[in-house]
Full PDB file with SEQRES, HELIX, SHEET, SSBOND, CRYST1, ORIGX, SCALE, CONECT and MASTER records, all heavy atoms in Angstrom:
SEQRES   1 A   43  GLN ASN GLU GLN LEU SER VAL LEU GLU ASN GLU GLN SER          
SEQRES   2 A   43  ARG LEU LYS LYS LEU VAL ALA ALA GLN ALA ALA PRO SER          
SEQRES   3 A   43  LYS GLN LEU ASP ASP ALA ASN GLY GLN ILE SER ILE LEU          
SEQRES   4 A   43  LYS LYS GLN ILE                                              
HELIX    1 AA1 ASN A    2  ALA A   20  1                                  19    
HELIX    2 AA2 SER A   26  GLN A   42  1                                  17    
CRYST1    1.000    1.000    1.000  90.00  90.00  90.00 P 1           1          
ORIGX1      1.000000  0.000000  0.000000        0.00000                         
ORIGX2      0.000000  1.000000  0.000000        0.00000                         
ORIGX3      0.000000  0.000000  1.000000        0.00000                         
SCALE1      1.000000  0.000000  0.000000        0.00000                         
SCALE2      0.000000  1.000000  0.000000        0.00000                         
SCALE3      0.000000  0.000000  1.000000        0.00000                         
ATOM      1  N   GLN A   1      18.866   0.419   8.423  1.00  0.00           N  
ATOM      2  CA  GLN A   1      17.808  -0.294   7.718  1.00  0.00           C  
ATOM      3  C   GLN A   1      16.441  -0.035   8.352  1.00  0.00           C  
ATOM      4  O   GLN A   1      15.415   0.036   7.654  1.00  0.00           O  
ATOM      5  CB  GLN A   1      18.110  -1.790   7.683  1.00  0.00           C  
ATOM      6  CG  GLN A   1      19.274  -2.141   6.772  1.00  0.00           C  
ATOM      7  CD  GLN A   1      19.727  -3.584   6.927  1.00  0.00           C  
ATOM      8  OE1 GLN A   1      19.418  -4.229   7.938  1.00  0.00           O  
ATOM      9  NE2 GLN A   1      20.459  -4.095   5.930  1.00  0.00           N  
ATOM     10  N   ASN A   2      16.397   0.097   9.650  1.00  0.00           N  
ATOM     11  CA  ASN A   2      15.126   0.400  10.310  1.00  0.00           C  
ATOM     12  C   ASN A   2      14.616   1.782   9.895  1.00  0.00           C  
ATOM     13  O   ASN A   2      13.393   1.992   9.746  1.00  0.00           O  
ATOM     14  CB  ASN A   2      15.283   0.328  11.827  1.00  0.00           C  
ATOM     15  CG  ASN A   2      15.311  -1.101  12.348  1.00  0.00           C  
ATOM     16  OD1 ASN A   2      14.638  -1.978  11.778  1.00  0.00           O  
ATOM     17  ND2 ASN A   2      16.063  -1.346  13.414  1.00  0.00           N  
ATOM     18  N   GLU A   3      15.537   2.732   9.721  1.00  0.00           N  
ATOM     19  CA  GLU A   3      15.126   4.057   9.245  1.00  0.00           C  
ATOM     20  C   GLU A   3      14.594   3.965   7.808  1.00  0.00           C  
ATOM     21  O   GLU A   3      13.570   4.605   7.468  1.00  0.00           O  
ATOM     22  CB  GLU A   3      16.310   5.020   9.303  1.00  0.00           C  
ATOM     23  CG  GLU A   3      16.739   5.364  10.725  1.00  0.00           C  
ATOM     24  CD  GLU A   3      17.946   6.290  10.757  1.00  0.00           C  
ATOM     25  OE1 GLU A   3      18.408   6.671   9.659  1.00  0.00           O  
ATOM     26  OE2 GLU A   3      18.407   6.628  11.862  1.00  0.00           O  
ATOM     27  N   GLN A   4      15.281   3.191   6.972  1.00  0.00           N  
ATOM     28  CA  GLN A   4      14.806   3.000   5.598  1.00  0.00           C  
ATOM     29  C   GLN A   4      13.444   2.326   5.578  1.00  0.00           C  
ATOM     30  O   GLN A   4      12.561   2.693   4.784  1.00  0.00           O  
ATOM     31  CB  GLN A   4      15.818   2.169   4.805  1.00  0.00           C  
ATOM     32  CG  GLN A   4      17.144   2.854   4.579  1.00  0.00           C  
ATOM     33  CD  GLN A   4      18.162   1.938   3.887  1.00  0.00           C  
ATOM     34  OE1 GLN A   4      17.910   0.742   3.705  1.00  0.00           O  
ATOM     35  NE2 GLN A   4      19.296   2.517   3.499  1.00  0.00           N  
ATOM     36  N   LEU A   5      13.251   1.369   6.461  1.00  0.00           N  
ATOM     37  CA  LEU A   5      11.962   0.665   6.529  1.00  0.00           C  
ATOM     38  C   LEU A   5      10.851   1.628   6.920  1.00  0.00           C  
ATOM     39  O   LEU A   5       9.733   1.561   6.385  1.00  0.00           O  
ATOM     40  CB  LEU A   5      12.056  -0.480   7.538  1.00  0.00           C  
ATOM     41  CG  LEU A   5      10.777  -1.297   7.738  1.00  0.00           C  
ATOM     42  CD1 LEU A   5      10.371  -1.981   6.432  1.00  0.00           C  
ATOM     43  CD2 LEU A   5      10.987  -2.350   8.830  1.00  0.00           C  
ATOM     44  N   SER A   6      11.153   2.529   7.853  1.00  0.00           N  
ATOM     45  CA  SER A   6      10.145   3.501   8.270  1.00  0.00           C  
ATOM     46  C   SER A   6       9.737   4.397   7.106  1.00  0.00           C  
ATOM     47  O   SER A   6       8.535   4.694   6.909  1.00  0.00           O  
ATOM     48  CB  SER A   6      10.692   4.335   9.427  1.00  0.00           C  
ATOM     49  OG  SER A   6       9.747   5.311   9.817  1.00  0.00           O  
ATOM     50  N   VAL A   7      10.715   4.815   6.266  1.00  0.00           N  
ATOM     51  CA  VAL A   7      10.412   5.660   5.112  1.00  0.00           C  
ATOM     52  C   VAL A   7       9.561   4.899   4.090  1.00  0.00           C  
ATOM     53  O   VAL A   7       8.565   5.426   3.544  1.00  0.00           O  
ATOM     54  CB  VAL A   7      11.727   6.156   4.461  1.00  0.00           C  
ATOM     55  CG1 VAL A   7      11.422   6.883   3.144  1.00  0.00           C  
ATOM     56  CG2 VAL A   7      12.456   7.080   5.409  1.00  0.00           C  
ATOM     57  N   LEU A   8       9.947   3.647   3.831  1.00  0.00           N  
ATOM     58  CA  LEU A   8       9.206   2.833   2.861  1.00  0.00           C  
ATOM     59  C   LEU A   8       7.776   2.553   3.330  1.00  0.00           C  
ATOM     60  O   LEU A   8       6.834   2.506   2.522  1.00  0.00           O  
ATOM     61  CB  LEU A   8       9.941   1.524   2.608  1.00  0.00           C  
ATOM     62  CG  LEU A   8      11.231   1.632   1.793  1.00  0.00           C  
ATOM     63  CD1 LEU A   8      11.932   0.274   1.723  1.00  0.00           C  
ATOM     64  CD2 LEU A   8      10.920   2.139   0.372  1.00  0.00           C  
ATOM     65  N   GLU A   9       7.610   2.341   4.604  1.00  0.00           N  
ATOM     66  CA  GLU A   9       6.260   2.068   5.118  1.00  0.00           C  
ATOM     67  C   GLU A   9       5.379   3.307   4.989  1.00  0.00           C  
ATOM     68  O   GLU A   9       4.170   3.202   4.709  1.00  0.00           O  
ATOM     69  CB  GLU A   9       6.345   1.608   6.581  1.00  0.00           C  
ATOM     70  CG  GLU A   9       6.871   0.177   6.728  1.00  0.00           C  
ATOM     71  CD  GLU A   9       7.056  -0.245   8.172  1.00  0.00           C  
ATOM     72  OE1 GLU A   9       7.082   0.646   9.059  1.00  0.00           O  
ATOM     73  OE2 GLU A   9       7.164  -1.463   8.425  1.00  0.00           O  
ATOM     74  N   ASN A  10       5.947   4.494   5.150  1.00  0.00           N  
ATOM     75  CA  ASN A  10       5.171   5.731   4.942  1.00  0.00           C  
ATOM     76  C   ASN A  10       4.788   5.884   3.460  1.00  0.00           C  
ATOM     77  O   ASN A  10       3.659   6.279   3.124  1.00  0.00           O  
ATOM     78  CB  ASN A  10       5.983   6.941   5.389  1.00  0.00           C  
ATOM     79  CG  ASN A  10       6.142   6.993   6.899  1.00  0.00           C  
ATOM     80  OD1 ASN A  10       5.298   6.467   7.637  1.00  0.00           O  
ATOM     81  ND2 ASN A  10       7.203   7.632   7.371  1.00  0.00           N  
ATOM     82  N   GLU A  11       5.753   5.551   2.588  1.00  0.00           N  
ATOM     83  CA  GLU A  11       5.473   5.616   1.161  1.00  0.00           C  
ATOM     84  C   GLU A  11       4.410   4.589   0.774  1.00  0.00           C  
ATOM     85  O   GLU A  11       3.526   4.868  -0.071  1.00  0.00           O  
ATOM     86  CB  GLU A  11       6.760   5.355   0.375  1.00  0.00           C  
ATOM     87  CG  GLU A  11       6.606   5.419  -1.136  1.00  0.00           C  
ATOM     88  CD  GLU A  11       6.247   6.804  -1.651  1.00  0.00           C  
ATOM     89  OE1 GLU A  11       6.425   7.797  -0.884  1.00  0.00           O  
ATOM     90  OE2 GLU A  11       5.787   6.912  -2.807  1.00  0.00           O  
ATOM     91  N   GLN A  12       4.476   3.411   1.399  1.00  0.00           N  
ATOM     92  CA  GLN A  12       3.477   2.368   1.130  1.00  0.00           C  
ATOM     93  C   GLN A  12       2.083   2.845   1.513  1.00  0.00           C  
ATOM     94  O   GLN A  12       1.097   2.633   0.787  1.00  0.00           O  
ATOM     95  CB  GLN A  12       3.850   1.102   1.895  1.00  0.00           C  
ATOM     96  CG  GLN A  12       2.902  -0.056   1.671  1.00  0.00           C  
ATOM     97  CD  GLN A  12       3.186  -1.220   2.626  1.00  0.00           C  
ATOM     98  OE1 GLN A  12       3.377  -0.987   3.826  1.00  0.00           O  
ATOM     99  NE2 GLN A  12       3.221  -2.432   2.079  1.00  0.00           N  
ATOM    100  N   SER A  13       1.978   3.484   2.653  1.00  0.00           N  
ATOM    101  CA  SER A  13       0.671   3.972   3.105  1.00  0.00           C  
ATOM    102  C   SER A  13       0.126   5.044   2.150  1.00  0.00           C  
ATOM    103  O   SER A  13      -1.078   5.068   1.841  1.00  0.00           O  
ATOM    104  CB  SER A  13       0.811   4.551   4.518  1.00  0.00           C  
ATOM    105  OG  SER A  13      -0.413   5.071   4.956  1.00  0.00           O  
ATOM    106  N   ARG A  14       0.991   5.924   1.636  1.00  0.00           N  
ATOM    107  CA  ARG A  14       0.560   6.974   0.713  1.00  0.00           C  
ATOM    108  C   ARG A  14       0.085   6.372  -0.616  1.00  0.00           C  
ATOM    109  O   ARG A  14      -0.943   6.791  -1.202  1.00  0.00           O  
ATOM    110  CB  ARG A  14       1.703   7.954   0.480  1.00  0.00           C  
ATOM    111  CG  ARG A  14       1.316   9.195  -0.330  1.00  0.00           C  
ATOM    112  CD  ARG A  14       2.524  10.090  -0.520  1.00  0.00           C  
ATOM    113  NE  ARG A  14       3.493   9.447  -1.391  1.00  0.00           N  
ATOM    114  CZ  ARG A  14       3.431   9.461  -2.734  1.00  0.00           C  
ATOM    115  NH1 ARG A  14       2.438  10.040  -3.357  1.00  0.00           N  
ATOM    116  NH2 ARG A  14       4.356   8.842  -3.449  1.00  0.00           N  
ATOM    117  N   LEU A  15       0.867   5.367  -1.102  1.00  0.00           N  
ATOM    118  CA  LEU A  15       0.504   4.761  -2.380  1.00  0.00           C  
ATOM    119  C   LEU A  15      -0.814   4.000  -2.283  1.00  0.00           C  
ATOM    120  O   LEU A  15      -1.596   3.937  -3.269  1.00  0.00           O  
ATOM    121  CB  LEU A  15       1.624   3.819  -2.838  1.00  0.00           C  
ATOM    122  CG  LEU A  15       2.904   4.508  -3.324  1.00  0.00           C  
ATOM    123  CD1 LEU A  15       4.001   3.479  -3.601  1.00  0.00           C  
ATOM    124  CD2 LEU A  15       2.612   5.320  -4.600  1.00  0.00           C  
ATOM    125  N   LYS A  16      -1.082   3.380  -1.147  1.00  0.00           N  
ATOM    126  CA  LYS A  16      -2.360   2.672  -0.979  1.00  0.00           C  
ATOM    127  C   LYS A  16      -3.531   3.631  -1.164  1.00  0.00           C  
ATOM    128  O   LYS A  16      -4.563   3.293  -1.800  1.00  0.00           O  
ATOM    129  CB  LYS A  16      -2.428   2.032   0.403  1.00  0.00           C  
ATOM    130  CG  LYS A  16      -1.595   0.767   0.536  1.00  0.00           C  
ATOM    131  CD  LYS A  16      -1.751   0.177   1.929  1.00  0.00           C  
ATOM    132  CE  LYS A  16      -0.946  -1.124   2.060  1.00  0.00           C  
ATOM    133  NZ  LYS A  16      -1.073  -1.711   3.419  1.00  0.00           N  
ATOM    134  N   LYS A  17      -3.415   4.831  -0.668  1.00  0.00           N  
ATOM    135  CA  LYS A  17      -4.491   5.809  -0.798  1.00  0.00           C  
ATOM    136  C   LYS A  17      -4.634   6.267  -2.260  1.00  0.00           C  
ATOM    137  O   LYS A  17      -5.764   6.459  -2.772  1.00  0.00           O  
ATOM    138  CB  LYS A  17      -4.216   7.009   0.101  1.00  0.00           C  
ATOM    139  CG  LYS A  17      -4.275   6.681   1.580  1.00  0.00           C  
ATOM    140  CD  LYS A  17      -3.954   7.903   2.421  1.00  0.00           C  
ATOM    141  CE  LYS A  17      -3.999   7.585   3.916  1.00  0.00           C  
ATOM    142  NZ  LYS A  17      -3.671   8.762   4.741  1.00  0.00           N  
ATOM    143  N   LEU A  18      -3.505   6.478  -2.923  1.00  0.00           N  
ATOM    144  CA  LEU A  18      -3.548   6.921  -4.310  1.00  0.00           C  
ATOM    145  C   LEU A  18      -4.121   5.839  -5.219  1.00  0.00           C  
ATOM    146  O   LEU A  18      -4.920   6.129  -6.152  1.00  0.00           O  
ATOM    147  CB  LEU A  18      -2.138   7.304  -4.785  1.00  0.00           C  
ATOM    148  CG  LEU A  18      -1.541   8.555  -4.135  1.00  0.00           C  
ATOM    149  CD1 LEU A  18      -0.088   8.751  -4.598  1.00  0.00           C  
ATOM    150  CD2 LEU A  18      -2.383   9.800  -4.476  1.00  0.00           C  
ATOM    151  N   VAL A  19      -3.715   4.604  -4.999  1.00  0.00           N  
ATOM    152  CA  VAL A  19      -4.232   3.504  -5.817  1.00  0.00           C  
ATOM    153  C   VAL A  19      -5.729   3.347  -5.584  1.00  0.00           C  
ATOM    154  O   VAL A  19      -6.513   3.099  -6.522  1.00  0.00           O  
ATOM    155  CB  VAL A  19      -3.473   2.202  -5.521  1.00  0.00           C  
ATOM    156  CG1 VAL A  19      -4.165   1.016  -6.181  1.00  0.00           C  
ATOM    157  CG2 VAL A  19      -2.028   2.301  -5.984  1.00  0.00           C  
ATOM    158  N   ALA A  20      -6.144   3.479  -4.330  1.00  0.00           N  
ATOM    159  CA  ALA A  20      -7.576   3.358  -4.030  1.00  0.00           C  
ATOM    160  C   ALA A  20      -8.368   4.465  -4.719  1.00  0.00           C  
ATOM    161  O   ALA A  20      -9.526   4.261  -5.140  1.00  0.00           O  
ATOM    162  CB  ALA A  20      -7.797   3.413  -2.515  1.00  0.00           C  
ATOM    163  N   ALA A  21      -7.749   5.619  -4.884  1.00  0.00           N  
ATOM    164  CA  ALA A  21      -8.420   6.737  -5.565  1.00  0.00           C  
ATOM    165  C   ALA A  21      -8.140   6.730  -7.055  1.00  0.00           C  
ATOM    166  O   ALA A  21      -8.521   7.667  -7.778  1.00  0.00           O  
ATOM    167  CB  ALA A  21      -7.968   8.065  -4.964  1.00  0.00           C  
ATOM    168  N   GLN A  22      -7.491   5.669  -7.536  1.00  0.00           N  
ATOM    169  CA  GLN A  22      -7.117   5.506  -8.941  1.00  0.00           C  
ATOM    170  C   GLN A  22      -6.305   6.691  -9.441  1.00  0.00           C  
ATOM    171  O   GLN A  22      -6.366   7.101 -10.596  1.00  0.00           O  
ATOM    172  CB  GLN A  22      -8.371   5.311  -9.815  1.00  0.00           C  
ATOM    173  CG  GLN A  22      -9.148   4.058  -9.488  1.00  0.00           C  
ATOM    174  CD  GLN A  22     -10.348   3.859 -10.414  1.00  0.00           C  
ATOM    175  OE1 GLN A  22     -10.677   4.739 -11.239  1.00  0.00           O  
ATOM    176  NE2 GLN A  22     -11.004   2.709 -10.282  1.00  0.00           N  
ATOM    177  N   ALA A  23      -5.479   7.256  -8.497  1.00  0.00           N  
ATOM    178  CA  ALA A  23      -4.622   8.392  -8.859  1.00  0.00           C  
ATOM    179  C   ALA A  23      -3.203   7.928  -9.143  1.00  0.00           C  
ATOM    180  O   ALA A  23      -2.349   8.739  -9.550  1.00  0.00           O  
ATOM    181  CB  ALA A  23      -4.606   9.426  -7.743  1.00  0.00           C  
ATOM    182  N   ALA A  24      -2.906   6.645  -8.896  1.00  0.00           N  
ATOM    183  CA  ALA A  24      -1.559   6.117  -9.161  1.00  0.00           C  
ATOM    184  C   ALA A  24      -1.693   4.669  -9.591  1.00  0.00           C  
ATOM    185  O   ALA A  24      -2.632   3.959  -9.178  1.00  0.00           O  
ATOM    186  CB  ALA A  24      -0.690   6.209  -7.910  1.00  0.00           C  
ATOM    187  N   PRO A  25      -0.754   4.207 -10.459  1.00  0.00           N  
ATOM    188  CA  PRO A  25      -0.824   2.806 -10.897  1.00  0.00           C  
ATOM    189  C   PRO A  25      -0.506   1.846  -9.750  1.00  0.00           C  
ATOM    190  O   PRO A  25       0.287   2.150  -8.846  1.00  0.00           O  
ATOM    191  CB  PRO A  25       0.242   2.742 -11.999  1.00  0.00           C  
ATOM    192  CG  PRO A  25       1.190   3.838 -11.714  1.00  0.00           C  
ATOM    193  CD  PRO A  25       0.382   4.938 -11.087  1.00  0.00           C  
ATOM    194  N   SER A  26      -1.092   0.691  -9.797  1.00  0.00           N  
ATOM    195  CA  SER A  26      -0.883  -0.302  -8.725  1.00  0.00           C  
ATOM    196  C   SER A  26       0.532  -0.872  -8.728  1.00  0.00           C  
ATOM    197  O   SER A  26       1.003  -1.407  -7.718  1.00  0.00           O  
ATOM    198  CB  SER A  26      -1.902  -1.430  -8.884  1.00  0.00           C  
ATOM    199  OG  SER A  26      -1.758  -2.059 -10.168  1.00  0.00           O  
ATOM    200  N   LYS A  27       1.230  -0.719  -9.875  1.00  0.00           N  
ATOM    201  CA  LYS A  27       2.598  -1.243  -9.933  1.00  0.00           C  
ATOM    202  C   LYS A  27       3.505  -0.541  -8.914  1.00  0.00           C  
ATOM    203  O   LYS A  27       4.406  -1.143  -8.320  1.00  0.00           O  
ATOM    204  CB  LYS A  27       3.151  -1.070 -11.347  1.00  0.00           C  
ATOM    205  CG  LYS A  27       4.552  -1.659 -11.532  1.00  0.00           C  
ATOM    206  CD  LYS A  27       5.019  -1.494 -12.962  1.00  0.00           C  
ATOM    207  CE  LYS A  27       6.407  -2.129 -13.138  1.00  0.00           C  
ATOM    208  NZ  LYS A  27       7.402  -1.626 -12.207  1.00  0.00           N  
ATOM    209  N   GLN A  28       3.300   0.751  -8.703  1.00  0.00           N  
ATOM    210  CA  GLN A  28       4.130   1.466  -7.730  1.00  0.00           C  
ATOM    211  C   GLN A  28       3.926   0.913  -6.321  1.00  0.00           C  
ATOM    212  O   GLN A  28       4.875   0.795  -5.538  1.00  0.00           O  
ATOM    213  CB  GLN A  28       3.779   2.959  -7.769  1.00  0.00           C  
ATOM    214  CG  GLN A  28       4.188   3.654  -9.056  1.00  0.00           C  
ATOM    215  CD  GLN A  28       3.869   5.153  -9.003  1.00  0.00           C  
ATOM    216  OE1 GLN A  28       3.294   5.656  -8.050  1.00  0.00           O  
ATOM    217  NE2 GLN A  28       4.217   5.849 -10.093  1.00  0.00           N  
ATOM    218  N   LEU A  29       2.696   0.557  -6.032  1.00  0.00           N  
ATOM    219  CA  LEU A  29       2.425  -0.032  -4.701  1.00  0.00           C  
ATOM    220  C   LEU A  29       3.077  -1.397  -4.585  1.00  0.00           C  
ATOM    221  O   LEU A  29       3.633  -1.744  -3.534  1.00  0.00           O  
ATOM    222  CB  LEU A  29       0.927  -0.121  -4.480  1.00  0.00           C  
ATOM    223  CG  LEU A  29       0.474  -0.735  -3.132  1.00  0.00           C  
ATOM    224  CD1 LEU A  29       1.020   0.110  -1.977  1.00  0.00           C  
ATOM    225  CD2 LEU A  29      -1.054  -0.816  -3.069  1.00  0.00           C  
ATOM    226  N   ASP A  30       3.042  -2.191  -5.690  1.00  0.00           N  
ATOM    227  CA  ASP A  30       3.669  -3.511  -5.655  1.00  0.00           C  
ATOM    228  C   ASP A  30       5.185  -3.385  -5.474  1.00  0.00           C  
ATOM    229  O   ASP A  30       5.796  -4.164  -4.720  1.00  0.00           O  
ATOM    230  CB  ASP A  30       3.359  -4.263  -6.951  1.00  0.00           C  
ATOM    231  CG  ASP A  30       1.869  -4.604  -7.084  1.00  0.00           C  
ATOM    232  OD1 ASP A  30       1.199  -4.632  -6.018  1.00  0.00           O  
ATOM    233  OD2 ASP A  30       1.428  -4.841  -8.210  1.00  0.00           O  
ATOM    234  N   ASP A  31       5.793  -2.409  -6.120  1.00  0.00           N  
ATOM    235  CA  ASP A  31       7.246  -2.210  -5.966  1.00  0.00           C  
ATOM    236  C   ASP A  31       7.593  -1.825  -4.522  1.00  0.00           C  
ATOM    237  O   ASP A  31       8.586  -2.304  -3.955  1.00  0.00           O  
ATOM    238  CB  ASP A  31       7.728  -1.117  -6.925  1.00  0.00           C  
ATOM    239  CG  ASP A  31       7.640  -1.560  -8.386  1.00  0.00           C  
ATOM    240  OD1 ASP A  31       7.576  -2.793  -8.613  1.00  0.00           O  
ATOM    241  OD2 ASP A  31       7.660  -0.683  -9.260  1.00  0.00           O  
ATOM    242  N   ALA A  32       6.765  -0.974  -3.941  1.00  0.00           N  
ATOM    243  CA  ALA A  32       7.015  -0.560  -2.552  1.00  0.00           C  
ATOM    244  C   ALA A  32       6.879  -1.743  -1.602  1.00  0.00           C  
ATOM    245  O   ALA A  32       7.674  -1.929  -0.657  1.00  0.00           O  
ATOM    246  CB  ALA A  32       6.059   0.555  -2.152  1.00  0.00           C  
ATOM    247  N   ASN A  33       5.879  -2.589  -1.842  1.00  0.00           N  
ATOM    248  CA  ASN A  33       5.702  -3.770  -0.980  1.00  0.00           C  
ATOM    249  C   ASN A  33       6.904  -4.710  -1.093  1.00  0.00           C  
ATOM    250  O   ASN A  33       7.358  -5.292  -0.105  1.00  0.00           O  
ATOM    251  CB  ASN A  33       4.422  -4.507  -1.383  1.00  0.00           C  
ATOM    252  CG  ASN A  33       3.170  -3.728  -1.020  1.00  0.00           C  
ATOM    253  OD1 ASN A  33       3.200  -2.883  -0.119  1.00  0.00           O  
ATOM    254  ND2 ASN A  33       2.070  -3.989  -1.713  1.00  0.00           N  
ATOM    255  N   GLY A  34       7.418  -4.868  -2.331  1.00  0.00           N  
ATOM    256  CA  GLY A  34       8.583  -5.744  -2.513  1.00  0.00           C  
ATOM    257  C   GLY A  34       9.818  -5.205  -1.809  1.00  0.00           C  
ATOM    258  O   GLY A  34      10.584  -5.967  -1.206  1.00  0.00           O  
ATOM    259  N   GLN A  35      10.032  -3.892  -1.879  1.00  0.00           N  
ATOM    260  CA  GLN A  35      11.195  -3.298  -1.206  1.00  0.00           C  
ATOM    261  C   GLN A  35      11.100  -3.472   0.311  1.00  0.00           C  
ATOM    262  O   GLN A  35      12.104  -3.749   0.990  1.00  0.00           O  
ATOM    263  CB  GLN A  35      11.281  -1.814  -1.571  1.00  0.00           C  
ATOM    264  CG  GLN A  35      11.644  -1.564  -3.024  1.00  0.00           C  
ATOM    265  CD  GLN A  35      11.637  -0.088  -3.377  1.00  0.00           C  
ATOM    266  OE1 GLN A  35      11.348   0.758  -2.523  1.00  0.00           O  
ATOM    267  NE2 GLN A  35      11.928   0.217  -4.642  1.00  0.00           N  
ATOM    268  N   ILE A  36       9.913  -3.291   0.834  1.00  0.00           N  
ATOM    269  CA  ILE A  36       9.727  -3.456   2.289  1.00  0.00           C  
ATOM    270  C   ILE A  36      10.003  -4.893   2.692  1.00  0.00           C  
ATOM    271  O   ILE A  36      10.665  -5.160   3.712  1.00  0.00           O  
ATOM    272  CB  ILE A  36       8.298  -3.034   2.689  1.00  0.00           C  
ATOM    273  CG1 ILE A  36       8.137  -1.517   2.540  1.00  0.00           C  
ATOM    274  CG2 ILE A  36       7.983  -3.475   4.110  1.00  0.00           C  
ATOM    275  CD1 ILE A  36       6.729  -1.025   2.785  1.00  0.00           C  
ATOM    276  N   SER A  37       9.549  -5.856   1.941  1.00  0.00           N  
ATOM    277  CA  SER A  37       9.769  -7.261   2.280  1.00  0.00           C  
ATOM    278  C   SER A  37      11.254  -7.604   2.258  1.00  0.00           C  
ATOM    279  O   SER A  37      11.756  -8.290   3.164  1.00  0.00           O  
ATOM    280  CB  SER A  37       9.002  -8.134   1.278  1.00  0.00           C  
ATOM    281  OG  SER A  37       9.249  -9.504   1.531  1.00  0.00           O  
ATOM    282  N   ILE A  38      11.957  -7.126   1.217  1.00  0.00           N  
ATOM    283  CA  ILE A  38      13.397  -7.405   1.120  1.00  0.00           C  
ATOM    284  C   ILE A  38      14.150  -6.761   2.290  1.00  0.00           C  
ATOM    285  O   ILE A  38      15.030  -7.370   2.903  1.00  0.00           O  
ATOM    286  CB  ILE A  38      13.939  -6.892  -0.220  1.00  0.00           C  
ATOM    287  CG1 ILE A  38      13.359  -7.716  -1.374  1.00  0.00           C  
ATOM    288  CG2 ILE A  38      15.459  -6.946  -0.243  1.00  0.00           C  
ATOM    289  CD1 ILE A  38      13.679  -7.159  -2.746  1.00  0.00           C  
ATOM    290  N   LEU A  39      13.761  -5.532   2.649  1.00  0.00           N  
ATOM    291  CA  LEU A  39      14.453  -4.826   3.725  1.00  0.00           C  
ATOM    292  C   LEU A  39      14.244  -5.509   5.071  1.00  0.00           C  
ATOM    293  O   LEU A  39      15.159  -5.606   5.892  1.00  0.00           O  
ATOM    294  CB  LEU A  39      13.960  -3.375   3.767  1.00  0.00           C  
ATOM    295  CG  LEU A  39      14.774  -2.411   4.639  1.00  0.00           C  
ATOM    296  CD1 LEU A  39      16.236  -2.378   4.190  1.00  0.00           C  
ATOM    297  CD2 LEU A  39      14.183  -1.004   4.556  1.00  0.00           C  
ATOM    298  N   LYS A  40      13.052  -6.032   5.292  1.00  0.00           N  
ATOM    299  CA  LYS A  40      12.785  -6.741   6.552  1.00  0.00           C  
ATOM    300  C   LYS A  40      13.627  -8.009   6.653  1.00  0.00           C  
ATOM    301  O   LYS A  40      14.139  -8.353   7.732  1.00  0.00           O  
ATOM    302  CB  LYS A  40      11.299  -7.088   6.655  1.00  0.00           C  
ATOM    303  CG  LYS A  40      10.421  -5.897   6.973  1.00  0.00           C  
ATOM    304  CD  LYS A  40       8.963  -6.324   7.128  1.00  0.00           C  
ATOM    305  CE  LYS A  40       8.097  -5.145   7.522  1.00  0.00           C  
ATOM    306  NZ  LYS A  40       6.652  -5.542   7.663  1.00  0.00           N  
ATOM    307  N   LYS A  41      13.789  -8.711   5.524  1.00  0.00           N  
ATOM    308  CA  LYS A  41      14.617  -9.918   5.544  1.00  0.00           C  
ATOM    309  C   LYS A  41      16.085  -9.573   5.832  1.00  0.00           C  
ATOM    310  O   LYS A  41      16.782 -10.305   6.545  1.00  0.00           O  
ATOM    311  CB  LYS A  41      14.487 -10.644   4.206  1.00  0.00           C  
ATOM    312  CG  LYS A  41      13.117 -11.265   3.980  1.00  0.00           C  
ATOM    313  CD  LYS A  41      13.039 -11.937   2.622  1.00  0.00           C  
ATOM    314  CE  LYS A  41      11.658 -12.557   2.405  1.00  0.00           C  
ATOM    315  NZ  LYS A  41      11.540 -13.210   1.068  1.00  0.00           N  
ATOM    316  N   GLN A  42      16.540  -8.454   5.271  1.00  0.00           N  
ATOM    317  CA  GLN A  42      17.915  -8.027   5.529  1.00  0.00           C  
ATOM    318  C   GLN A  42      18.121  -7.683   7.016  1.00  0.00           C  
ATOM    319  O   GLN A  42      19.156  -8.013   7.606  1.00  0.00           O  
ATOM    320  CB  GLN A  42      18.257  -6.818   4.659  1.00  0.00           C  
ATOM    321  CG  GLN A  42      18.369  -7.148   3.181  1.00  0.00           C  
ATOM    322  CD  GLN A  42      18.621  -5.916   2.332  1.00  0.00           C  
ATOM    323  OE1 GLN A  42      18.482  -4.795   2.809  1.00  0.00           O  
ATOM    324  NE2 GLN A  42      18.972  -6.127   1.062  1.00  0.00           N  
ATOM    325  N   ILE A  43      17.125  -7.031   7.582  1.00  0.00           N  
ATOM    326  CA  ILE A  43      17.216  -6.682   9.014  1.00  0.00           C  
ATOM    327  C   ILE A  43      17.276  -7.943   9.865  1.00  0.00           C  
ATOM    328  O   ILE A  43      18.081  -8.059  10.804  1.00  0.00           O  
ATOM    329  CB  ILE A  43      16.018  -5.793   9.426  1.00  0.00           C  
ATOM    330  CG1 ILE A  43      16.128  -4.417   8.757  1.00  0.00           C  
ATOM    331  CG2 ILE A  43      15.973  -5.649  10.943  1.00  0.00           C  
ATOM    332  CD1 ILE A  43      14.921  -3.530   8.989  1.00  0.00           C  
TER     333      ILE A  43                                                      
MASTER        0    0    0    2    0    0    0    6  332    1    0    4          
END                                                                             
């Protein structure tokens, strides 16, 4: 789970940049944030 969390956090950082540049919808960033929160609770 810690390895999965590391991957999701990298994806979260990438999506933040894309959303800020209006190159990706904000929904993808919200989904990534939700997955990270659920994974941390599982850990």
